[in-house]
Amino acid sequence: MNIVAPGIYTSLQLFVIVAIGFAARKMGIIRQGFSQMVSRFLVKVALPVYFFASFSSVDLSVIFDGVWVLAAGVVIFSLGLGAGWLVFLLIPADRKEKRAGIALAGLGNSGYMPLTILQLLPVSIPFLAVQYDTAEAAVYVGVYLLVSSPLLWSVGNTLIARHGERFSPGQFFSPPIIGILTGLLVPVAGIGGVFTDTALPFYYLISSLNRLGSVIFPMILVTLGVMIAEIHFHREKTQHLFRFAGGILFVRFILLPGLFFLAYRYLLLPMALSPSILLVIFLEACTPPATNFSAMAVESGVNEDVTAFTLLASYIGYLLVLPVYIIMFVNLS
C-alpha cells in the first residue's frame, strides 16, 4: 500500500490547525494569556479526566504489558540526556545554556504530541486504527507519562531553570498522573465491568468523558500555534541560537529516531511486542522538546532566548520530519 501521501496528510493536518492558532494570535483574535488559560484547563481538567476514562475501562493485561513502555521511557530519556551532554561539549555555550540544552535534548513532548498523532493517523491512514489499535496505544502514552512527567518536572525543571532545590511531591504527581493512577484503581479493584456494562449509567458517563478527546487534541494544536506566535528572542544572537537549536534537533530528530529504527529491527521485533506498544515507542522516540520548558524558562528568568528559539525550530522541524518517519515505520512493520 502506498502511504506516502497519507503520511504527508497527517503532518498537513497538524500544520493547518497549528497555523490557525498562529494566525488568530497574530491577527489579535486571540489575546495575550489565551495559551496559559487553555493549557491550565488541559493539564488540570481535560487530560486527567480523559486518562481516567481511558484507564478505567482497560484490561489489566494491557497494563502489565505496559512495563515495556516504562522501560522505553527510561531508555529514551537516558539516551537523549546523554546525547545532549555530548553534543553540548562541542557547542559553545555558557553553563546555564548547556544545562538547558541537555534538558531539551532529553525530554520530549511525550503527552500532547503522541496523543494528537494517534487521533490524526486513523483519518489519514485508516488501517492503522485496526492494525495498531490506536485506542490501546493512547493508554500506553499514559503509561509512558508515568516516567516522563515526573522526570520533566524534576530533572528537566532543575536543569533548565533551577539548581540545588529539593523536589516537591507536586512535581511527581501532576494532574494527568493523578488521573492515570485513579483510573488504574478501577481495573485493579476488579470493578471495570461497571464502566463497560451498557445497561448501567456509568458506561455513558465514561463515554462522554472519552469524547473530550475530540476537543482536547485540536485545542492542543491551536494552543501550540498561539505559543509559537508569542515566542520572542533577540535576533542579534541568531547565529548562536541556530547552532544551539541545531544540536537539539540532531538529538531529537536524527539520533533518537535512528536508534529506534535500529532497535526496532534487531531488538523490538524479535521480542514480539504488541503493535500498539511499538507504535507508542516510535512516536515517543521522534517527539520535539516539551513545550513546558518555555514556561519554566520564563518563570525562572533564565535561558528564555535559547528555549524559545529551540521550541520554534523544533516544532517547525517536526512537521517536516514526521511524515518521513511515519512512512518508514509503516513500511518496516
C-alpha atoms as a PDB file:
ATOM      1  CA  MET A   1       0.000   0.000   0.000  1.00  0.00           C
ATOM      2  CA  ASN A   2       1.298   3.464  -0.908  1.00  0.00           C
ATOM      3  CA  ILE A   3       1.275   5.547   2.259  1.00  0.00           C
ATOM      4  CA  VAL A   4       3.499   8.433   1.120  1.00  0.00           C
ATOM      5  CA  ALA A   5       0.570  10.780   0.546  1.00  0.00           C
ATOM      6  CA  PRO A   6      -1.322   9.737   3.728  1.00  0.00           C
ATOM      7  CA  GLY A   7       1.882  10.213   5.745  1.00  0.00           C
ATOM      8  CA  ILE A   8       2.175  13.746   4.386  1.00  0.00           C
ATOM      9  CA  TYR A   9      -1.514  14.377   5.062  1.00  0.00           C
ATOM     10  CA  THR A  10      -1.003  13.580   8.755  1.00  0.00           C
ATOM     11  CA  SER A  11       1.607  16.299   9.009  1.00  0.00           C
ATOM     12  CA  LEU A  12      -0.580  18.621   6.938  1.00  0.00           C
ATOM     13  CA  GLN A  13      -3.415  18.252   9.444  1.00  0.00           C
ATOM     14  CA  LEU A  14      -1.042  19.238  12.224  1.00  0.00           C
ATOM     15  CA  PHE A  15       0.237  22.197  10.244  1.00  0.00           C
ATOM     16  CA  VAL A  16      -3.211  23.563   9.386  1.00  0.00           C
ATOM     17  CA  ILE A  17      -4.524  23.520  12.958  1.00  0.00           C
ATOM     18  CA  VAL A  18      -1.282  24.990  14.364  1.00  0.00           C
ATOM     19  CA  ALA A  19      -1.400  27.667  11.648  1.00  0.00           C
ATOM     20  CA  ILE A  20      -4.960  28.601  12.659  1.00  0.00           C
ATOM     21  CA  GLY A  21      -3.809  29.239  16.217  1.00  0.00           C
ATOM     22  CA  PHE A  22      -0.766  31.164  14.974  1.00  0.00           C
ATOM     23  CA  ALA A  23      -2.802  33.361  12.617  1.00  0.00           C
ATOM     24  CA  ALA A  24      -5.532  34.013  15.185  1.00  0.00           C
ATOM     25  CA  ARG A  25      -2.933  35.263  17.675  1.00  0.00           C
ATOM     26  CA  LYS A  26      -1.123  37.434  15.131  1.00  0.00           C
ATOM     27  CA  MET A  27      -4.430  38.956  13.978  1.00  0.00           C
ATOM     28  CA  GLY A  28      -5.428  39.759  17.549  1.00  0.00           C
ATOM     29  CA  ILE A  29      -8.448  37.431  17.531  1.00  0.00           C
ATOM     30  CA  ILE A  30      -6.817  35.539  20.388  1.00  0.00           C
ATOM     31  CA  ARG A  31      -5.463  37.758  23.142  1.00  0.00           C
ATOM     32  CA  GLN A  32      -2.498  37.514  25.463  1.00  0.00           C
ATOM     33  CA  GLY A  33      -2.993  34.860  28.131  1.00  0.00           C
ATOM     34  CA  PHE A  34      -5.107  32.514  25.981  1.00  0.00           C
ATOM     35  CA  SER A  35      -2.493  29.770  25.763  1.00  0.00           C
ATOM     36  CA  GLN A  36      -1.875  29.892  29.524  1.00  0.00           C
ATOM     37  CA  MET A  37      -5.582  29.580  30.321  1.00  0.00           C
ATOM     38  CA  VAL A  38      -6.172  26.748  27.855  1.00  0.00           C
ATOM     39  CA  SER A  39      -3.019  24.945  28.985  1.00  0.00           C
ATOM     40  CA  ARG A  40      -4.192  25.098  32.600  1.00  0.00           C
ATOM     41  CA  PHE A  41      -7.578  23.674  31.590  1.00  0.00           C
ATOM     42  CA  LEU A  42      -5.970  20.889  29.574  1.00  0.00           C
ATOM     43  CA  VAL A  43      -3.463  19.934  32.261  1.00  0.00           C
ATOM     44  CA  LYS A  44      -5.684  20.307  35.320  1.00  0.00           C
ATOM     45  CA  VAL A  45      -9.067  19.194  33.968  1.00  0.00           C
ATOM     46  CA  ALA A  46      -9.282  17.748  30.452  1.00  0.00           C
ATOM     47  CA  LEU A  47      -6.285  15.394  30.398  1.00  0.00           C
ATOM     48  CA  PRO A  48      -6.834  13.954  33.905  1.00  0.00           C
ATOM     49  CA  VAL A  49     -10.480  13.238  33.032  1.00  0.00           C
ATOM     50  CA  TYR A  50      -9.518  11.780  29.645  1.00  0.00           C
ATOM     51  CA  PHE A  51      -6.903   9.490  31.191  1.00  0.00           C
ATOM     52  CA  PHE A  52      -9.265   8.411  33.968  1.00  0.00           C
ATOM     53  CA  ALA A  53     -11.823   7.374  31.352  1.00  0.00           C
ATOM     54  CA  SER A  54      -9.191   5.566  29.255  1.00  0.00           C
ATOM     55  CA  PHE A  55      -7.602   3.638  32.116  1.00  0.00           C
ATOM     56  CA  SER A  56     -10.809   2.789  33.985  1.00  0.00           C
ATOM     57  CA  SER A  57     -12.065   0.643  31.098  1.00  0.00           C
ATOM     58  CA  VAL A  58      -8.796  -1.025  30.105  1.00  0.00           C
ATOM     59  CA  ASP A  59      -7.951  -4.673  30.676  1.00  0.00           C
ATOM     60  CA  LEU A  60      -5.278  -5.363  33.277  1.00  0.00           C
ATOM     61  CA  SER A  61      -3.259  -7.419  30.794  1.00  0.00           C
ATOM     62  CA  VAL A  62      -2.741  -4.240  28.776  1.00  0.00           C
ATOM     63  CA  ILE A  63      -1.383  -2.501  31.855  1.00  0.00           C
ATOM     64  CA  PHE A  64       1.001  -5.360  32.647  1.00  0.00           C
ATOM     65  CA  ASP A  65       2.377  -5.203  29.099  1.00  0.00           C
ATOM     66  CA  GLY A  66       2.989  -1.507  29.706  1.00  0.00           C
ATOM     67  CA  VAL A  67       6.166  -2.369  31.625  1.00  0.00           C
ATOM     68  CA  TRP A  68       7.916  -2.332  28.238  1.00  0.00           C
ATOM     69  CA  VAL A  69       6.688   1.214  27.662  1.00  0.00           C
ATOM     70  CA  LEU A  70       8.002   2.248  31.095  1.00  0.00           C
ATOM     71  CA  ALA A  71      11.368   0.712  30.231  1.00  0.00           C
ATOM     72  CA  ALA A  72      11.363   2.542  26.883  1.00  0.00           C
ATOM     73  CA  GLY A  73      10.708   5.810  28.709  1.00  0.00           C
ATOM     74  CA  VAL A  74      13.783   5.346  30.877  1.00  0.00           C
ATOM     75  CA  VAL A  75      15.934   4.334  27.889  1.00  0.00           C
ATOM     76  CA  ILE A  76      14.801   7.209  25.624  1.00  0.00           C
ATOM     77  CA  PHE A  77      15.292   9.738  28.433  1.00  0.00           C
ATOM     78  CA  SER A  78      18.760   8.380  29.250  1.00  0.00           C
ATOM     79  CA  LEU A  79      19.841   8.338  25.601  1.00  0.00           C
ATOM     80  CA  GLY A  80      18.520  11.854  24.987  1.00  0.00           C
ATOM     81  CA  LEU A  81      20.128  13.241  28.127  1.00  0.00           C
ATOM     82  CA  GLY A  82      23.455  11.533  27.417  1.00  0.00           C
ATOM     83  CA  ALA A  83      23.459  12.607  23.766  1.00  0.00           C
ATOM     84  CA  GLY A  84      22.589  16.167  24.798  1.00  0.00           C
ATOM     85  CA  TRP A  85      25.515  16.212  27.196  1.00  0.00           C
ATOM     86  CA  LEU A  86      27.895  15.031  24.454  1.00  0.00           C
ATOM     87  CA  VAL A  87      26.533  17.487  21.882  1.00  0.00           C
ATOM     88  CA  PHE A  88      26.935  20.443  24.224  1.00  0.00           C
ATOM     89  CA  LEU A  89      30.517  19.536  24.910  1.00  0.00           C
ATOM     90  CA  LEU A  90      31.062  20.609  21.292  1.00  0.00           C
ATOM     91  CA  ILE A  91      28.660  23.573  21.035  1.00  0.00           C
ATOM     92  CA  PRO A  92      29.948  26.822  22.597  1.00  0.00           C
ATOM     93  CA  ALA A  93      27.521  27.995  25.282  1.00  0.00           C
ATOM     94  CA  ASP A  94      27.636  29.144  28.869  1.00  0.00           C
ATOM     95  CA  ARG A  95      26.939  26.723  31.698  1.00  0.00           C
ATOM     96  CA  LYS A  96      23.258  27.645  32.088  1.00  0.00           C
ATOM     97  CA  GLU A  97      22.617  27.230  28.369  1.00  0.00           C
ATOM     98  CA  LYS A  98      24.383  23.871  28.286  1.00  0.00           C
ATOM     99  CA  ARG A  99      22.129  22.665  31.104  1.00  0.00           C
ATOM    100  CA  ALA A 100      19.085  23.896  29.171  1.00  0.00           C
ATOM    101  CA  GLY A 101      20.313  22.135  26.036  1.00  0.00           C
ATOM    102  CA  ILE A 102      20.712  18.840  27.876  1.00  0.00           C
ATOM    103  CA  ALA A 103      17.155  19.164  29.239  1.00  0.00           C
ATOM    104  CA  LEU A 104      15.667  19.988  25.823  1.00  0.00           C
ATOM    105  CA  ALA A 105      17.506  17.052  24.265  1.00  0.00           C
ATOM    106  CA  GLY A 106      16.488  14.607  26.987  1.00  0.00           C
ATOM    107  CA  LEU A 107      12.787  15.283  27.451  1.00  0.00           C
ATOM    108  CA  GLY A 108      10.306  15.401  24.599  1.00  0.00           C
ATOM    109  CA  ASN A 109       6.641  16.307  24.320  1.00  0.00           C
ATOM    110  CA  SER A 110       5.626  12.836  25.460  1.00  0.00           C
ATOM    111  CA  GLY A 111       1.945  13.504  26.107  1.00  0.00           C
ATOM    112  CA  TYR A 112       0.357  16.088  23.850  1.00  0.00           C
ATOM    113  CA  MET A 113       2.005  15.262  20.526  1.00  0.00           C
ATOM    114  CA  PRO A 114       1.802  11.435  20.593  1.00  0.00           C
ATOM    115  CA  LEU A 115      -1.852  11.586  21.702  1.00  0.00           C
ATOM    116  CA  THR A 116      -2.663  14.066  18.960  1.00  0.00           C
ATOM    117  CA  ILE A 117      -0.906  11.970  16.309  1.00  0.00           C
ATOM    118  CA  LEU A 118      -2.887   8.925  17.477  1.00  0.00           C
ATOM    119  CA  GLN A 119      -6.082  10.884  16.848  1.00  0.00           C
ATOM    120  CA  LEU A 120      -4.986  12.029  13.379  1.00  0.00           C
ATOM    121  CA  LEU A 121      -3.362   8.872  11.994  1.00  0.00           C
ATOM    122  CA  PRO A 122      -6.608   6.877  11.549  1.00  0.00           C
ATOM    123  CA  VAL A 123      -8.032   9.740   9.497  1.00  0.00           C
ATOM    124  CA  SER A 124      -5.086   9.736   7.086  1.00  0.00           C
ATOM    125  CA  ILE A 125      -4.186   6.029   7.288  1.00  0.00           C
ATOM    126  CA  PRO A 126      -7.377   4.190   8.388  1.00  0.00           C
ATOM    127  CA  PHE A 127      -5.848   0.709   8.594  1.00  0.00           C
ATOM    128  CA  LEU A 128      -3.566   1.923  11.404  1.00  0.00           C
ATOM    129  CA  ALA A 129      -6.542   2.174  13.765  1.00  0.00           C
ATOM    130  CA  VAL A 130      -7.076  -1.577  13.323  1.00  0.00           C
ATOM    131  CA  GLN A 131      -3.514  -2.824  12.896  1.00  0.00           C
ATOM    132  CA  TYR A 132      -2.084  -0.797  15.769  1.00  0.00           C
ATOM    133  CA  ASP A 133      -5.193  -0.292  17.954  1.00  0.00           C
ATOM    134  CA  THR A 134      -4.743   3.445  18.456  1.00  0.00           C
ATOM    135  CA  ALA A 135      -7.175   3.449  21.410  1.00  0.00           C
ATOM    136  CA  GLU A 136      -4.936   0.990  23.263  1.00  0.00           C
ATOM    137  CA  ALA A 137      -1.887   2.985  22.161  1.00  0.00           C
ATOM    138  CA  ALA A 138      -3.356   6.090  23.854  1.00  0.00           C
ATOM    139  CA  VAL A 139      -3.350   4.147  27.130  1.00  0.00           C
ATOM    140  CA  TYR A 140       0.319   3.312  26.611  1.00  0.00           C
ATOM    141  CA  VAL A 141       1.070   7.015  26.106  1.00  0.00           C
ATOM    142  CA  GLY A 142      -0.387   7.489  29.594  1.00  0.00           C
ATOM    143  CA  VAL A 143       1.864   4.712  30.878  1.00  0.00           C
ATOM    144  CA  TYR A 144       4.857   6.448  29.282  1.00  0.00           C
ATOM    145  CA  LEU A 145       3.884   9.661  31.082  1.00  0.00           C
ATOM    146  CA  LEU A 146       4.294   7.873  34.412  1.00  0.00           C
ATOM    147  CA  VAL A 147       8.025   8.044  33.676  1.00  0.00           C
ATOM    148  CA  SER A 148       8.390  11.189  31.579  1.00  0.00           C
ATOM    149  CA  SER A 149       6.186  13.612  33.521  1.00  0.00           C
ATOM    150  CA  PRO A 150       7.990  13.261  36.885  1.00  0.00           C
ATOM    151  CA  LEU A 151      11.336  13.466  35.057  1.00  0.00           C
ATOM    152  CA  LEU A 152      10.230  16.615  33.220  1.00  0.00           C
ATOM    153  CA  TRP A 153       9.132  18.464  36.349  1.00  0.00           C
ATOM    154  CA  SER A 154      12.057  17.346  38.477  1.00  0.00           C
ATOM    155  CA  VAL A 155      15.197  16.732  36.402  1.00  0.00           C
ATOM    156  CA  GLY A 156      14.106  18.852  33.425  1.00  0.00           C
ATOM    157  CA  ASN A 157      12.947  21.781  35.528  1.00  0.00           C
ATOM    158  CA  THR A 158      16.130  21.695  37.598  1.00  0.00           C
ATOM    159  CA  LEU A 159      18.358  21.646  34.527  1.00  0.00           C
ATOM    160  CA  ILE A 160      16.636  24.416  32.615  1.00  0.00           C
ATOM    161  CA  ALA A 161      15.522  26.736  35.390  1.00  0.00           C
ATOM    162  CA  ARG A 162      16.727  25.958  38.887  1.00  0.00           C
ATOM    163  CA  HIS A 163      19.650  24.454  40.698  1.00  0.00           C
ATOM    164  CA  GLY A 164      20.027  22.994  44.152  1.00  0.00           C
ATOM    165  CA  GLU A 165      16.335  22.926  45.086  1.00  0.00           C
ATOM    166  CA  ARG A 166      14.603  19.881  46.528  1.00  0.00           C
ATOM    167  CA  PHE A 167      11.897  18.209  44.524  1.00  0.00           C
ATOM    168  CA  SER A 168       8.363  18.640  45.838  1.00  0.00           C
ATOM    169  CA  PRO A 169       5.724  15.861  45.724  1.00  0.00           C
ATOM    170  CA  GLY A 170       3.680  18.004  43.348  1.00  0.00           C
ATOM    171  CA  GLN A 171       6.414  17.645  40.747  1.00  0.00           C
ATOM    172  CA  PHE A 172       5.856  13.889  40.671  1.00  0.00           C
ATOM    173  CA  PHE A 173       2.046  13.886  40.878  1.00  0.00           C
ATOM    174  CA  SER A 174       0.785  16.269  38.226  1.00  0.00           C
ATOM    175  CA  PRO A 175      -2.984  16.239  37.499  1.00  0.00           C
ATOM    176  CA  PRO A 176      -2.645  13.935  34.434  1.00  0.00           C
ATOM    177  CA  ILE A 177      -0.647  11.463  36.531  1.00  0.00           C
ATOM    178  CA  ILE A 178      -3.341  11.577  39.221  1.00  0.00           C
ATOM    179  CA  GLY A 179      -5.970  10.912  36.532  1.00  0.00           C
ATOM    180  CA  ILE A 180      -3.975   7.908  35.281  1.00  0.00           C
ATOM    181  CA  LEU A 181      -3.425   6.434  38.744  1.00  0.00           C
ATOM    182  CA  THR A 182      -7.058   6.986  39.746  1.00  0.00           C
ATOM    183  CA  GLY A 183      -8.257   5.320  36.553  1.00  0.00           C
ATOM    184  CA  LEU A 184      -5.939   2.381  37.216  1.00  0.00           C
ATOM    185  CA  LEU A 185      -7.681   1.732  40.530  1.00  0.00           C
ATOM    186  CA  VAL A 186     -10.814   0.660  38.637  1.00  0.00           C
ATOM    187  CA  PRO A 187      -9.383  -2.432  36.840  1.00  0.00           C
ATOM    188  CA  VAL A 188      -7.094  -3.204  39.790  1.00  0.00           C
ATOM    189  CA  ALA A 189     -10.142  -3.292  42.092  1.00  0.00           C
ATOM    190  CA  GLY A 190     -11.926  -5.528  39.576  1.00  0.00           C
ATOM    191  CA  ILE A 191     -14.851  -3.176  39.046  1.00  0.00           C
ATOM    192  CA  GLY A 192     -14.138  -2.310  35.406  1.00  0.00           C
ATOM    193  CA  GLY A 193     -17.291  -4.122  34.347  1.00  0.00           C
ATOM    194  CA  VAL A 194     -19.354  -1.365  35.949  1.00  0.00           C
ATOM    195  CA  PHE A 195     -17.992   1.053  33.344  1.00  0.00           C
ATOM    196  CA  THR A 196     -18.382  -1.276  30.351  1.00  0.00           C
ATOM    197  CA  ASP A 197     -21.921  -2.552  31.029  1.00  0.00           C
ATOM    198  CA  THR A 198     -24.235  -0.700  28.622  1.00  0.00           C
ATOM    199  CA  ALA A 199     -27.148  -1.338  30.986  1.00  0.00           C
ATOM    200  CA  LEU A 200     -25.576   0.912  33.626  1.00  0.00           C
ATOM    201  CA  PRO A 201     -25.277   4.711  33.536  1.00  0.00           C
ATOM    202  CA  PHE A 202     -21.527   4.591  34.268  1.00  0.00           C
ATOM    203  CA  TYR A 203     -20.860   3.338  30.737  1.00  0.00           C
ATOM    204  CA  TYR A 204     -22.371   6.502  29.277  1.00  0.00           C
ATOM    205  CA  LEU A 205     -20.537   8.666  31.786  1.00  0.00           C
ATOM    206  CA  ILE A 206     -17.203   7.212  30.648  1.00  0.00           C
ATOM    207  CA  SER A 207     -18.251   7.532  27.002  1.00  0.00           C
ATOM    208  CA  SER A 208     -18.949  11.235  27.492  1.00  0.00           C
ATOM    209  CA  LEU A 209     -15.591  11.714  29.173  1.00  0.00           C
ATOM    210  CA  ASN A 210     -13.853   9.924  26.305  1.00  0.00           C
ATOM    211  CA  ARG A 211     -15.435  12.398  23.918  1.00  0.00           C
ATOM    212  CA  LEU A 212     -13.259  15.080  25.497  1.00  0.00           C
ATOM    213  CA  GLY A 213     -10.561  13.729  23.194  1.00  0.00           C
ATOM    214  CA  SER A 214     -12.321  15.279  20.205  1.00  0.00           C
ATOM    215  CA  VAL A 215     -11.890  18.682  21.853  1.00  0.00           C
ATOM    216  CA  ILE A 216      -8.571  18.250  23.662  1.00  0.00           C
ATOM    217  CA  PHE A 217      -6.335  17.461  20.736  1.00  0.00           C
ATOM    218  CA  PRO A 218      -7.378  20.242  18.313  1.00  0.00           C
ATOM    219  CA  MET A 219      -7.073  22.701  21.216  1.00  0.00           C
ATOM    220  CA  ILE A 220      -3.573  21.419  21.937  1.00  0.00           C
ATOM    221  CA  LEU A 221      -2.541  22.287  18.386  1.00  0.00           C
ATOM    222  CA  VAL A 222      -4.296  25.669  18.397  1.00  0.00           C
ATOM    223  CA  THR A 223      -2.557  26.497  21.682  1.00  0.00           C
ATOM    224  CA  LEU A 224       0.767  25.421  20.210  1.00  0.00           C
ATOM    225  CA  GLY A 225       0.211  27.807  17.294  1.00  0.00           C
ATOM    226  CA  VAL A 226      -0.590  30.634  19.720  1.00  0.00           C
ATOM    227  CA  MET A 227       2.529  29.836  21.753  1.00  0.00           C
ATOM    228  CA  ILE A 228       4.703  29.934  18.608  1.00  0.00           C
ATOM    229  CA  ALA A 229       3.185  33.293  17.670  1.00  0.00           C
ATOM    230  CA  GLU A 230       4.128  34.666  21.097  1.00  0.00           C
ATOM    231  CA  ILE A 231       7.739  33.469  21.034  1.00  0.00           C
ATOM    232  CA  HIS A 232      10.255  36.318  21.180  1.00  0.00           C
ATOM    233  CA  PHE A 233      14.022  36.183  21.020  1.00  0.00           C
ATOM    234  CA  HIS A 234      16.891  38.586  20.339  1.00  0.00           C
ATOM    235  CA  ARG A 235      17.730  38.488  16.639  1.00  0.00           C
ATOM    236  CA  GLU A 236      21.280  39.682  17.198  1.00  0.00           C
ATOM    237  CA  LYS A 237      22.027  36.252  18.684  1.00  0.00           C
ATOM    238  CA  THR A 238      20.631  34.397  15.652  1.00  0.00           C
ATOM    239  CA  GLN A 239      23.824  32.539  14.756  1.00  0.00           C
ATOM    240  CA  HIS A 240      24.249  31.272  18.296  1.00  0.00           C
ATOM    241  CA  LEU A 241      20.565  30.338  18.517  1.00  0.00           C
ATOM    242  CA  PHE A 242      20.707  28.350  15.260  1.00  0.00           C
ATOM    243  CA  ARG A 243      23.771  26.484  16.482  1.00  0.00           C
ATOM    244  CA  PHE A 244      22.141  25.748  19.844  1.00  0.00           C
ATOM    245  CA  ALA A 245      18.840  24.607  18.317  1.00  0.00           C
ATOM    246  CA  GLY A 246      20.709  22.549  15.723  1.00  0.00           C
ATOM    247  CA  GLY A 247      22.204  20.429  18.483  1.00  0.00           C
ATOM    248  CA  ILE A 248      18.750  19.713  19.911  1.00  0.00           C
ATOM    249  CA  LEU A 249      17.290  18.895  16.503  1.00  0.00           C
ATOM    250  CA  PHE A 250      20.159  16.496  15.835  1.00  0.00           C
ATOM    251  CA  VAL A 251      19.393  14.563  19.024  1.00  0.00           C
ATOM    252  CA  ARG A 252      15.584  14.622  18.828  1.00  0.00           C
ATOM    253  CA  PHE A 253      15.088  14.148  15.074  1.00  0.00           C
ATOM    254  CA  ILE A 254      18.122  12.225  13.856  1.00  0.00           C
ATOM    255  CA  LEU A 255      19.866  10.354  16.646  1.00  0.00           C
ATOM    256  CA  LEU A 256      16.884   9.114  18.682  1.00  0.00           C
ATOM    257  CA  PRO A 257      14.737   8.103  15.665  1.00  0.00           C
ATOM    258  CA  GLY A 258      17.792   6.422  14.121  1.00  0.00           C
ATOM    259  CA  LEU A 259      18.400   4.428  17.302  1.00  0.00           C
ATOM    260  CA  PHE A 260      14.719   3.483  17.398  1.00  0.00           C
ATOM    261  CA  PHE A 261      14.737   2.072  13.862  1.00  0.00           C
ATOM    262  CA  LEU A 262      17.924   0.174  14.654  1.00  0.00           C
ATOM    263  CA  ALA A 263      16.406  -1.244  17.849  1.00  0.00           C
ATOM    264  CA  TYR A 264      13.126  -1.954  16.051  1.00  0.00           C
ATOM    265  CA  ARG A 265      14.761  -4.300  13.592  1.00  0.00           C
ATOM    266  CA  TYR A 266      17.191  -6.092  15.873  1.00  0.00           C
ATOM    267  CA  LEU A 267      15.528  -5.938  19.310  1.00  0.00           C
ATOM    268  CA  LEU A 268      11.868  -4.913  19.425  1.00  0.00           C
ATOM    269  CA  LEU A 269      10.503  -7.105  16.627  1.00  0.00           C
ATOM    270  CA  PRO A 270      12.145 -10.296  17.986  1.00  0.00           C
ATOM    271  CA  MET A 271      10.538  -9.511  21.371  1.00  0.00           C
ATOM    272  CA  ALA A 272       7.079  -9.852  19.730  1.00  0.00           C
ATOM    273  CA  LEU A 273       5.674  -6.778  21.459  1.00  0.00           C
ATOM    274  CA  SER A 274       2.131  -5.724  20.603  1.00  0.00           C
ATOM    275  CA  PRO A 275       1.799  -3.347  17.625  1.00  0.00           C
ATOM    276  CA  SER A 276       0.330  -0.599  19.830  1.00  0.00           C
ATOM    277  CA  ILE A 277       3.389  -0.698  22.112  1.00  0.00           C
ATOM    278  CA  LEU A 278       5.701  -0.463  19.102  1.00  0.00           C
ATOM    279  CA  LEU A 279       3.698   2.482  17.752  1.00  0.00           C
ATOM    280  CA  VAL A 280       3.947   4.377  21.047  1.00  0.00           C
ATOM    281  CA  ILE A 281       7.690   3.763  21.407  1.00  0.00           C
ATOM    282  CA  PHE A 282       8.108   5.007  17.831  1.00  0.00           C
ATOM    283  CA  LEU A 283       6.105   8.182  18.488  1.00  0.00           C
ATOM    284  CA  GLU A 284       7.960   8.885  21.742  1.00  0.00           C
ATOM    285  CA  ALA A 285      11.344   8.491  20.038  1.00  0.00           C
ATOM    286  CA  CYS A 286      10.500  11.199  17.483  1.00  0.00           C
ATOM    287  CA  THR A 287       8.927  13.972  19.560  1.00  0.00           C
ATOM    288  CA  PRO A 288      10.116  17.591  19.773  1.00  0.00           C
ATOM    289  CA  PRO A 289      11.076  19.016  23.203  1.00  0.00           C
ATOM    290  CA  ALA A 290       8.340  19.592  25.758  1.00  0.00           C
ATOM    291  CA  THR A 291       6.603  22.970  25.420  1.00  0.00           C
ATOM    292  CA  ASN A 292       6.526  23.235  29.232  1.00  0.00           C
ATOM    293  CA  PHE A 293      10.203  24.188  29.063  1.00  0.00           C
ATOM    294  CA  SER A 294       9.143  27.604  27.762  1.00  0.00           C
ATOM    295  CA  ALA A 295       7.055  28.309  30.878  1.00  0.00           C
ATOM    296  CA  MET A 296       9.872  27.028  33.117  1.00  0.00           C
ATOM    297  CA  ALA A 297      12.399  29.349  31.467  1.00  0.00           C
ATOM    298  CA  VAL A 298      10.107  32.385  31.599  1.00  0.00           C
ATOM    299  CA  GLU A 299       9.190  31.759  35.226  1.00  0.00           C
ATOM    300  CA  SER A 300      12.830  31.447  36.290  1.00  0.00           C
ATOM    301  CA  GLY A 301      14.087  34.263  34.051  1.00  0.00           C
ATOM    302  CA  VAL A 302      16.942  32.183  32.586  1.00  0.00           C
ATOM    303  CA  ASN A 303      17.532  30.531  29.215  1.00  0.00           C
ATOM    304  CA  GLU A 304      14.483  32.256  27.718  1.00  0.00           C
ATOM    305  CA  ASP A 305      16.014  33.033  24.304  1.00  0.00           C
ATOM    306  CA  VAL A 306      17.570  29.635  23.622  1.00  0.00           C
ATOM    307  CA  THR A 307      14.482  27.801  24.871  1.00  0.00           C
ATOM    308  CA  ALA A 308      12.031  29.892  22.843  1.00  0.00           C
ATOM    309  CA  PHE A 309      14.040  29.662  19.627  1.00  0.00           C
ATOM    310  CA  THR A 310      14.687  25.942  20.046  1.00  0.00           C
ATOM    311  CA  LEU A 311      10.988  25.228  20.539  1.00  0.00           C
ATOM    312  CA  LEU A 312      10.112  27.274  17.452  1.00  0.00           C
ATOM    313  CA  ALA A 313      12.715  25.474  15.321  1.00  0.00           C
ATOM    314  CA  SER A 314      11.791  22.072  16.769  1.00  0.00           C
ATOM    315  CA  TYR A 315       8.078  22.243  16.028  1.00  0.00           C
ATOM    316  CA  ILE A 316       8.662  23.526  12.506  1.00  0.00           C
ATOM    317  CA  GLY A 317      11.176  20.709  12.019  1.00  0.00           C
ATOM    318  CA  TYR A 318       8.738  18.187  13.491  1.00  0.00           C
ATOM    319  CA  LEU A 319       6.136  18.966  10.837  1.00  0.00           C
ATOM    320  CA  LEU A 320       8.762  18.260   8.171  1.00  0.00           C
ATOM    321  CA  VAL A 321      10.269  15.030   9.519  1.00  0.00           C
ATOM    322  CA  LEU A 322       7.089  13.426  10.883  1.00  0.00           C
ATOM    323  CA  PRO A 323       5.685  12.167   7.546  1.00  0.00           C
ATOM    324  CA  VAL A 324       9.092  10.736   6.623  1.00  0.00           C
ATOM    325  CA  TYR A 325       9.293   8.737   9.843  1.00  0.00           C
ATOM    326  CA  ILE A 326       5.660   7.601   9.635  1.00  0.00           C
ATOM    327  CA  ILE A 327       6.303   6.260   6.143  1.00  0.00           C
ATOM    328  CA  MET A 328       9.467   4.494   7.314  1.00  0.00           C
ATOM    329  CA  PHE A 329       7.728   2.996  10.335  1.00  0.00           C
ATOM    330  CA  VAL A 330       4.707   1.670   8.443  1.00  0.00           C
ATOM    331  CA  ASN A 331       6.891   0.235   5.678  1.00  0.00           C
ATOM    332  CA  LEU A 332       9.026  -1.609   8.250  1.00  0.00           C
ATOM    333  CA  SER A 333       6.003  -3.014  10.093  1.00  0.00           C
END
